[in-house]
Amino acid sequence: MFNYDERSWTAGVGVKADVSGIPLRVDYAIEPFGLFGNVHYISVGFAY
């Protein structure tokens, strides 16, 4: 792939819980990305 020289380490955390009987997942990660500074990743998932 291209532009991997901008990437470095990545750290993240995730939480999975039931909210009113609905499984909910929230994930967060941060990665230093050279020219762009720190890049933050957030994802939210649920099931029914």
PDB file of N, CA and C in Angstrom:
ATOM      1  N   MET A   1       0.837  -1.184   0.000  1.00  0.00           N
ATOM      2  CA  MET A   1       0.000   0.000   0.000  1.00  0.00           C
ATOM      3  C   MET A   1       0.883   1.249   0.000  1.00  0.00           C
ATOM      4  N   PHE A   2       0.294   2.346  -0.328  1.00  0.00           N
ATOM      5  CA  PHE A   2       1.005   3.607  -0.391  1.00  0.00           C
ATOM      6  C   PHE A   2       0.875   4.380   0.916  1.00  0.00           C
ATOM      7  N   ASN A   3       1.806   5.281   1.167  1.00  0.00           N
ATOM      8  CA  ASN A   3       1.770   6.238   2.271  1.00  0.00           C
ATOM      9  C   ASN A   3       1.883   5.615   3.653  1.00  0.00           C
ATOM     10  N   TYR A   4       2.405   4.423   3.780  1.00  0.00           N
ATOM     11  CA  TYR A   4       2.590   3.844   5.101  1.00  0.00           C
ATOM     12  C   TYR A   4       3.709   4.520   5.873  1.00  0.00           C
ATOM     13  N   ASP A   5       4.553   5.318   5.197  1.00  0.00           N
ATOM     14  CA  ASP A   5       5.609   6.039   5.895  1.00  0.00           C
ATOM     15  C   ASP A   5       5.048   7.110   6.822  1.00  0.00           C
ATOM     16  N   GLU A   6       3.790   7.516   6.667  1.00  0.00           N
ATOM     17  CA  GLU A   6       3.151   8.489   7.547  1.00  0.00           C
ATOM     18  C   GLU A   6       2.634   7.842   8.822  1.00  0.00           C
ATOM     19  N   ARG A   7       2.425   6.554   8.805  1.00  0.00           N
ATOM     20  CA  ARG A   7       1.823   5.866   9.945  1.00  0.00           C
ATOM     21  C   ARG A   7       2.868   5.445  10.956  1.00  0.00           C
ATOM     22  N   SER A   8       2.417   5.262  12.199  1.00  0.00           N
ATOM     23  CA  SER A   8       3.282   4.821  13.277  1.00  0.00           C
ATOM     24  C   SER A   8       2.509   3.810  14.106  1.00  0.00           C
ATOM     25  N   TRP A   9       2.512   3.938  15.417  1.00  0.00           N
ATOM     26  CA  TRP A   9       1.805   3.026  16.305  1.00  0.00           C
ATOM     27  C   TRP A   9       0.312   3.367  16.356  1.00  0.00           C
ATOM     28  N   THR A  10      -0.482   2.441  16.833  1.00  0.00           N
ATOM     29  CA  THR A  10      -1.916   2.659  17.036  1.00  0.00           C
ATOM     30  C   THR A  10      -2.293   2.103  18.411  1.00  0.00           C
ATOM     31  N   ALA A  11      -3.112   2.839  19.149  1.00  0.00           N
ATOM     32  CA  ALA A  11      -3.594   2.369  20.457  1.00  0.00           C
ATOM     33  C   ALA A  11      -5.105   2.550  20.498  1.00  0.00           C
ATOM     34  N   GLY A  12      -5.793   1.623  21.134  1.00  0.00           N
ATOM     35  CA  GLY A  12      -7.244   1.747  21.190  1.00  0.00           C
ATOM     36  C   GLY A  12      -7.849   0.994  22.350  1.00  0.00           C
ATOM     37  N   VAL A  13      -9.149   1.230  22.518  1.00  0.00           N
ATOM     38  CA  VAL A  13      -9.903   0.576  23.579  1.00  0.00           C
ATOM     39  C   VAL A  13     -11.332   0.365  23.089  1.00  0.00           C
ATOM     40  N   GLY A  14     -11.967  -0.677  23.586  1.00  0.00           N
ATOM     41  CA  GLY A  14     -13.350  -0.943  23.208  1.00  0.00           C
ATOM     42  C   GLY A  14     -14.178  -1.351  24.418  1.00  0.00           C
ATOM     43  N   VAL A  15     -15.467  -1.057  24.361  1.00  0.00           N
ATOM     44  CA  VAL A  15     -16.390  -1.400  25.438  1.00  0.00           C
ATOM     45  C   VAL A  15     -17.615  -2.056  24.820  1.00  0.00           C
ATOM     46  N   LYS A  16     -18.057  -3.136  25.442  1.00  0.00           N
ATOM     47  CA  LYS A  16     -19.262  -3.832  24.983  1.00  0.00           C
ATOM     48  C   LYS A  16     -20.204  -3.939  26.168  1.00  0.00           C
ATOM     49  N   ALA A  17     -21.453  -3.498  25.985  1.00  0.00           N
ATOM     50  CA  ALA A  17     -22.425  -3.517  27.086  1.00  0.00           C
ATOM     51  C   ALA A  17     -23.833  -3.680  26.527  1.00  0.00           C
ATOM     52  N   ASP A  18     -24.733  -4.146  27.381  1.00  0.00           N
ATOM     53  CA  ASP A  18     -26.153  -4.215  27.039  1.00  0.00           C
ATOM     54  C   ASP A  18     -26.835  -2.951  27.549  1.00  0.00           C
ATOM     55  N   VAL A  19     -27.519  -2.250  26.659  1.00  0.00           N
ATOM     56  CA  VAL A  19     -28.261  -1.047  27.017  1.00  0.00           C
ATOM     57  C   VAL A  19     -29.723  -1.308  26.704  1.00  0.00           C
ATOM     58  N   SER A  20     -30.541  -1.405  27.714  1.00  0.00           N
ATOM     59  CA  SER A  20     -31.970  -1.725  27.569  1.00  0.00           C
ATOM     60  C   SER A  20     -32.174  -3.000  26.759  1.00  0.00           C
ATOM     61  N   GLY A  21     -31.297  -3.996  26.975  1.00  0.00           N
ATOM     62  CA  GLY A  21     -31.420  -5.277  26.293  1.00  0.00           C
ATOM     63  C   GLY A  21     -30.848  -5.299  24.892  1.00  0.00           C
ATOM     64  N   ILE A  22     -30.236  -4.204  24.431  1.00  0.00           N
ATOM     65  CA  ILE A  22     -29.634  -4.139  23.098  1.00  0.00           C
ATOM     66  C   ILE A  22     -28.114  -4.154  23.246  1.00  0.00           C
ATOM     67  N   PRO A  23     -27.431  -5.142  22.638  1.00  0.00           N
ATOM     68  CA  PRO A  23     -25.973  -5.172  22.715  1.00  0.00           C
ATOM     69  C   PRO A  23     -25.374  -3.960  21.989  1.00  0.00           C
ATOM     70  N   LEU A  24     -24.530  -3.214  22.693  1.00  0.00           N
ATOM     71  CA  LEU A  24     -23.924  -2.003  22.147  1.00  0.00           C
ATOM     72  C   LEU A  24     -22.411  -2.112  22.273  1.00  0.00           C
ATOM     73  N   ARG A  25     -21.678  -1.708  21.221  1.00  0.00           N
ATOM     74  CA  ARG A  25     -20.225  -1.740  21.227  1.00  0.00           C
ATOM     75  C   ARG A  25     -19.696  -0.377  20.813  1.00  0.00           C
ATOM     76  N   VAL A  26     -18.739   0.169  21.556  1.00  0.00           N
ATOM     77  CA  VAL A  26     -18.106   1.443  21.237  1.00  0.00           C
ATOM     78  C   VAL A  26     -16.595   1.224  21.241  1.00  0.00           C
ATOM     79  N   ASP A  27     -15.927   1.610  20.159  1.00  0.00           N
ATOM     80  CA  ASP A  27     -14.486   1.461  20.029  1.00  0.00           C
ATOM     81  C   ASP A  27     -13.849   2.813  19.742  1.00  0.00           C
ATOM     82  N   TYR A  28     -12.642   3.016  20.291  1.00  0.00           N
ATOM     83  CA  TYR A  28     -11.892   4.250  20.066  1.00  0.00           C
ATOM     84  C   TYR A  28     -10.426   3.892  19.852  1.00  0.00           C
ATOM     85  N   ALA A  29      -9.780   4.545  18.905  1.00  0.00           N
ATOM     86  CA  ALA A  29      -8.350   4.350  18.664  1.00  0.00           C
ATOM     87  C   ALA A  29      -7.726   5.673  18.253  1.00  0.00           C
ATOM     88  N   ILE A  30      -6.434   5.799  18.505  1.00  0.00           N
ATOM     89  CA  ILE A  30      -5.674   6.989  18.109  1.00  0.00           C
ATOM     90  C   ILE A  30      -4.391   6.525  17.416  1.00  0.00           C
ATOM     91  N   GLU A  31      -3.994   7.277  16.394  1.00  0.00           N
ATOM     92  CA  GLU A  31      -2.797   6.943  15.633  1.00  0.00           C
ATOM     93  C   GLU A  31      -2.121   8.227  15.168  1.00  0.00           C
ATOM     94  N   PRO A  32      -0.829   8.408  15.468  1.00  0.00           N
ATOM     95  CA  PRO A  32      -0.123   9.554  14.914  1.00  0.00           C
ATOM     96  C   PRO A  32       0.036   9.349  13.402  1.00  0.00           C
ATOM     97  N   PHE A  33      -0.284  10.351  12.611  1.00  0.00           N
ATOM     98  CA  PHE A  33      -0.322  10.179  11.157  1.00  0.00           C
ATOM     99  C   PHE A  33       0.477  11.278  10.451  1.00  0.00           C
ATOM    100  N   GLY A  34       1.683  11.523  10.939  1.00  0.00           N
ATOM    101  CA  GLY A  34       2.610  12.433  10.280  1.00  0.00           C
ATOM    102  C   GLY A  34       2.047  13.815  10.019  1.00  0.00           C
ATOM    103  N   LEU A  35       1.898  14.158   8.776  1.00  0.00           N
ATOM    104  CA  LEU A  35       1.445  15.474   8.331  1.00  0.00           C
ATOM    105  C   LEU A  35       0.089  15.859   8.919  1.00  0.00           C
ATOM    106  N   PHE A  36      -0.784  14.895   9.154  1.00  0.00           N
ATOM    107  CA  PHE A  36      -2.139  15.160   9.644  1.00  0.00           C
ATOM    108  C   PHE A  36      -2.241  15.220  11.163  1.00  0.00           C
ATOM    109  N   GLY A  37      -1.148  14.999  11.873  1.00  0.00           N
ATOM    110  CA  GLY A  37      -1.194  14.978  13.334  1.00  0.00           C
ATOM    111  C   GLY A  37      -1.803  13.680  13.831  1.00  0.00           C
ATOM    112  N   ASN A  38      -2.494  13.738  14.944  1.00  0.00           N
ATOM    113  CA  ASN A  38      -3.145  12.548  15.503  1.00  0.00           C
ATOM    114  C   ASN A  38      -4.491  12.307  14.832  1.00  0.00           C
ATOM    115  N   VAL A  39      -4.716  11.062  14.426  1.00  0.00           N
ATOM    116  CA  VAL A  39      -5.989  10.668  13.819  1.00  0.00           C
ATOM    117  C   VAL A  39      -6.758   9.846  14.852  1.00  0.00           C
ATOM    118  N   HIS A  40      -8.025  10.183  15.067  1.00  0.00           N
ATOM    119  CA  HIS A  40      -8.879   9.496  16.031  1.00  0.00           C
ATOM    120  C   HIS A  40      -9.914   8.669  15.269  1.00  0.00           C
ATOM    121  N   TYR A  41     -10.077   7.429  15.679  1.00  0.00           N
ATOM    122  CA  TYR A  41     -11.065   6.535  15.086  1.00  0.00           C
ATOM    123  C   TYR A  41     -12.118   6.221  16.144  1.00  0.00           C
ATOM    124  N   ILE A  42     -13.385   6.368  15.802  1.00  0.00           N
ATOM    125  CA  ILE A  42     -14.483   6.039  16.696  1.00  0.00           C
ATOM    126  C   ILE A  42     -15.486   5.194  15.922  1.00  0.00           C
ATOM    127  N   SER A  43     -15.909   4.093  16.524  1.00  0.00           N
ATOM    128  CA  SER A  43     -16.957   3.292  15.890  1.00  0.00           C
ATOM    129  C   SER A  43     -17.987   2.901  16.940  1.00  0.00           C
ATOM    130  N   VAL A  44     -19.222   2.816  16.511  1.00  0.00           N
ATOM    131  CA  VAL A  44     -20.337   2.433  17.375  1.00  0.00           C
ATOM    132  C   VAL A  44     -21.102   1.323  16.647  1.00  0.00           C
ATOM    133  N   GLY A  45     -21.376   0.255  17.341  1.00  0.00           N
ATOM    134  CA  GLY A  45     -22.133  -0.838  16.735  1.00  0.00           C
ATOM    135  C   GLY A  45     -23.214  -1.342  17.673  1.00  0.00           C
ATOM    136  N   PHE A  46     -24.272  -1.845  17.095  1.00  0.00           N
ATOM    137  CA  PHE A  46     -25.343  -2.433  17.905  1.00  0.00           C
ATOM    138  C   PHE A  46     -25.967  -3.574  17.131  1.00  0.00           C
ATOM    139  N   ALA A  47     -26.660  -4.428  17.839  1.00  0.00           N
ATOM    140  CA  ALA A  47     -27.349  -5.563  17.230  1.00  0.00           C
ATOM    141  C   ALA A  47     -28.796  -5.558  17.721  1.00  0.00           C
ATOM    142  N   TYR A  48     -29.659  -6.245  16.985  1.00  0.00           N
ATOM    143  CA  TYR A  48     -31.061  -6.325  17.398  1.00  0.00           C
ATOM    144  C   TYR A  48     -31.585  -7.712  17.170  1.00  0.00           C
TER     145      TYR A  48
END
